[in-house]
Amino acid sequence: MTPEEAAELAQLVAGTAYAEAALLRQWVLTGMHQFRVAEAIRAYQEGALDVSHAAVQAQLPIAVFIDELATRKVALLDQPDAFGPGLAALRDVFGAAPDGR
């Protein structure tokens, strides 16, 4: 950290009831989560992963990952099996044909 960043950190910590170590840990964990999600979205956009596998990489449920895509205005790619085996199971339960009818 630069001296200016260290001073800003000290100022942030002084205004809270939390220990510096606890705040730093929380910030690192939050940053790691954001990085995992960003990398999973990047891989999805590049076509390296489908929605299901990208959600696994991001360590999120598929629905939450899709919400992240929507929040970041990332289009869902048009892939018939993008949702993995869950979509096939829904088709079986509800009797929909693979073409959506």
Protein backbone atom coordinates (compact mmCIF):
# COMPACT_ATOMS: atom_id res chain seq x y z
CA MET A 1 0.00 0.00 0.00
CA THR A 2 1.08 3.51 -0.62
CA PRO A 3 1.34 5.82 2.40
CA GLU A 4 -1.78 7.61 1.16
CA GLU A 5 -3.73 4.33 0.92
CA ALA A 6 -2.56 3.31 4.40
CA ALA A 7 -3.70 6.67 5.78
CA GLU A 8 -7.09 6.27 4.10
CA LEU A 9 -7.39 2.75 5.55
CA ALA A 10 -6.57 4.05 9.04
CA GLN A 11 -9.21 6.76 8.63
CA LEU A 12 -11.83 4.22 7.52
CA VAL A 13 -11.06 1.90 10.41
CA ALA A 14 -11.09 4.73 12.95
CA GLY A 15 -14.70 5.47 12.07
CA THR A 16 -15.91 1.94 12.83
CA ALA A 17 -16.14 -0.47 15.71
CA TYR A 18 -14.35 -3.17 13.68
CA ALA A 19 -10.76 -4.27 13.94
CA GLU A 20 -8.55 -3.48 10.96
CA ALA A 21 -7.86 -7.17 10.36
CA ALA A 22 -11.57 -8.01 10.27
CA LEU A 23 -12.27 -5.25 7.76
CA LEU A 24 -9.32 -6.25 5.58
CA ARG A 25 -10.45 -9.89 5.60
CA GLN A 26 -13.99 -8.91 4.58
CA TRP A 27 -12.71 -6.66 1.79
CA VAL A 28 -10.42 -9.39 0.46
CA LEU A 29 -13.24 -11.95 0.48
CA THR A 30 -15.55 -9.50 -1.28
CA GLY A 31 -12.88 -8.78 -3.87
CA MET A 32 -12.28 -12.49 -4.44
CA HIS A 33 -16.01 -13.05 -4.99
CA GLN A 34 -16.23 -10.15 -7.44
CA PHE A 35 -13.19 -11.45 -9.30
CA ARG A 36 -14.66 -14.99 -9.57
CA VAL A 37 -17.93 -13.61 -10.93
CA ALA A 38 -16.18 -11.28 -13.39
CA GLU A 39 -13.97 -14.12 -14.67
CA ALA A 40 -16.94 -16.47 -15.03
CA ILE A 41 -18.84 -13.81 -16.98
CA ARG A 42 -15.81 -13.22 -19.20
CA ALA A 43 -15.50 -16.95 -19.91
CA TYR A 44 -19.23 -17.13 -20.63
CA GLN A 45 -19.08 -14.18 -23.04
CA GLU A 46 -16.12 -15.75 -24.82
CA GLY A 47 -18.09 -18.98 -25.23
CA ALA A 48 -15.67 -21.00 -23.12
CA LEU A 49 -18.42 -21.85 -20.59
CA ASP A 50 -22.18 -22.24 -20.75
CA VAL A 51 -24.42 -20.64 -18.12
CA SER A 52 -24.37 -23.70 -15.89
CA HIS A 53 -20.58 -24.07 -15.86
CA ALA A 54 -20.03 -20.32 -15.51
CA ALA A 55 -22.30 -20.31 -12.45
CA VAL A 56 -20.24 -23.14 -10.95
CA GLN A 57 -17.02 -21.22 -11.63
CA ALA A 58 -18.53 -18.13 -10.00
CA GLN A 59 -19.67 -20.30 -7.05
CA LEU A 60 -23.24 -19.08 -7.50
CA PRO A 61 -26.58 -20.79 -8.10
CA ILE A 62 -27.60 -20.50 -11.77
CA ALA A 63 -30.48 -18.13 -10.97
CA VAL A 64 -28.16 -15.80 -9.04
CA PHE A 65 -25.59 -15.93 -11.85
CA ILE A 66 -28.29 -15.03 -14.37
CA ASP A 67 -29.26 -12.10 -12.13
CA GLU A 68 -25.61 -11.01 -12.17
CA LEU A 69 -25.65 -11.17 -15.98
CA ALA A 70 -28.80 -9.04 -16.06
CA THR A 71 -27.37 -6.54 -13.56
CA ARG A 72 -24.28 -6.16 -15.72
CA LYS A 73 -26.41 -6.03 -18.89
CA VAL A 74 -24.80 -9.17 -20.33
CA ALA A 75 -27.01 -10.92 -22.86
CA LEU A 76 -27.83 -14.58 -22.42
CA LEU A 77 -26.36 -16.43 -25.37
CA ASP A 78 -28.85 -18.34 -27.47
CA GLN A 79 -27.90 -21.93 -26.70
CA PRO A 80 -30.59 -24.62 -26.47
CA ASP A 81 -28.85 -26.42 -23.61
CA ALA A 82 -27.31 -23.39 -21.91
CA PHE A 83 -29.03 -24.29 -18.64
CA GLY A 84 -27.63 -27.80 -18.60
CA PRO A 85 -29.54 -30.84 -17.39
CA GLY A 86 -32.01 -28.74 -15.39
CA LEU A 87 -33.77 -27.55 -18.54
CA ALA A 88 -34.18 -31.10 -19.84
CA ALA A 89 -35.68 -32.14 -16.49
CA LEU A 90 -38.18 -29.26 -16.64
CA ARG A 91 -39.17 -30.32 -20.15
CA ASP A 92 -39.78 -33.85 -18.91
CA VAL A 93 -41.88 -32.68 -15.97
CA PHE A 94 -43.98 -30.21 -17.94
CA GLY A 95 -44.09 -32.17 -21.19
CA ALA A 96 -42.67 -29.43 -23.40
CA ALA A 97 -41.01 -30.45 -26.63
CA PRO A 98 -37.30 -29.62 -27.09
CA ASP A 99 -38.29 -26.92 -29.61
CA GLY A 100 -40.23 -25.13 -26.84
CA ARG A 101 -43.79 -26.16 -27.77
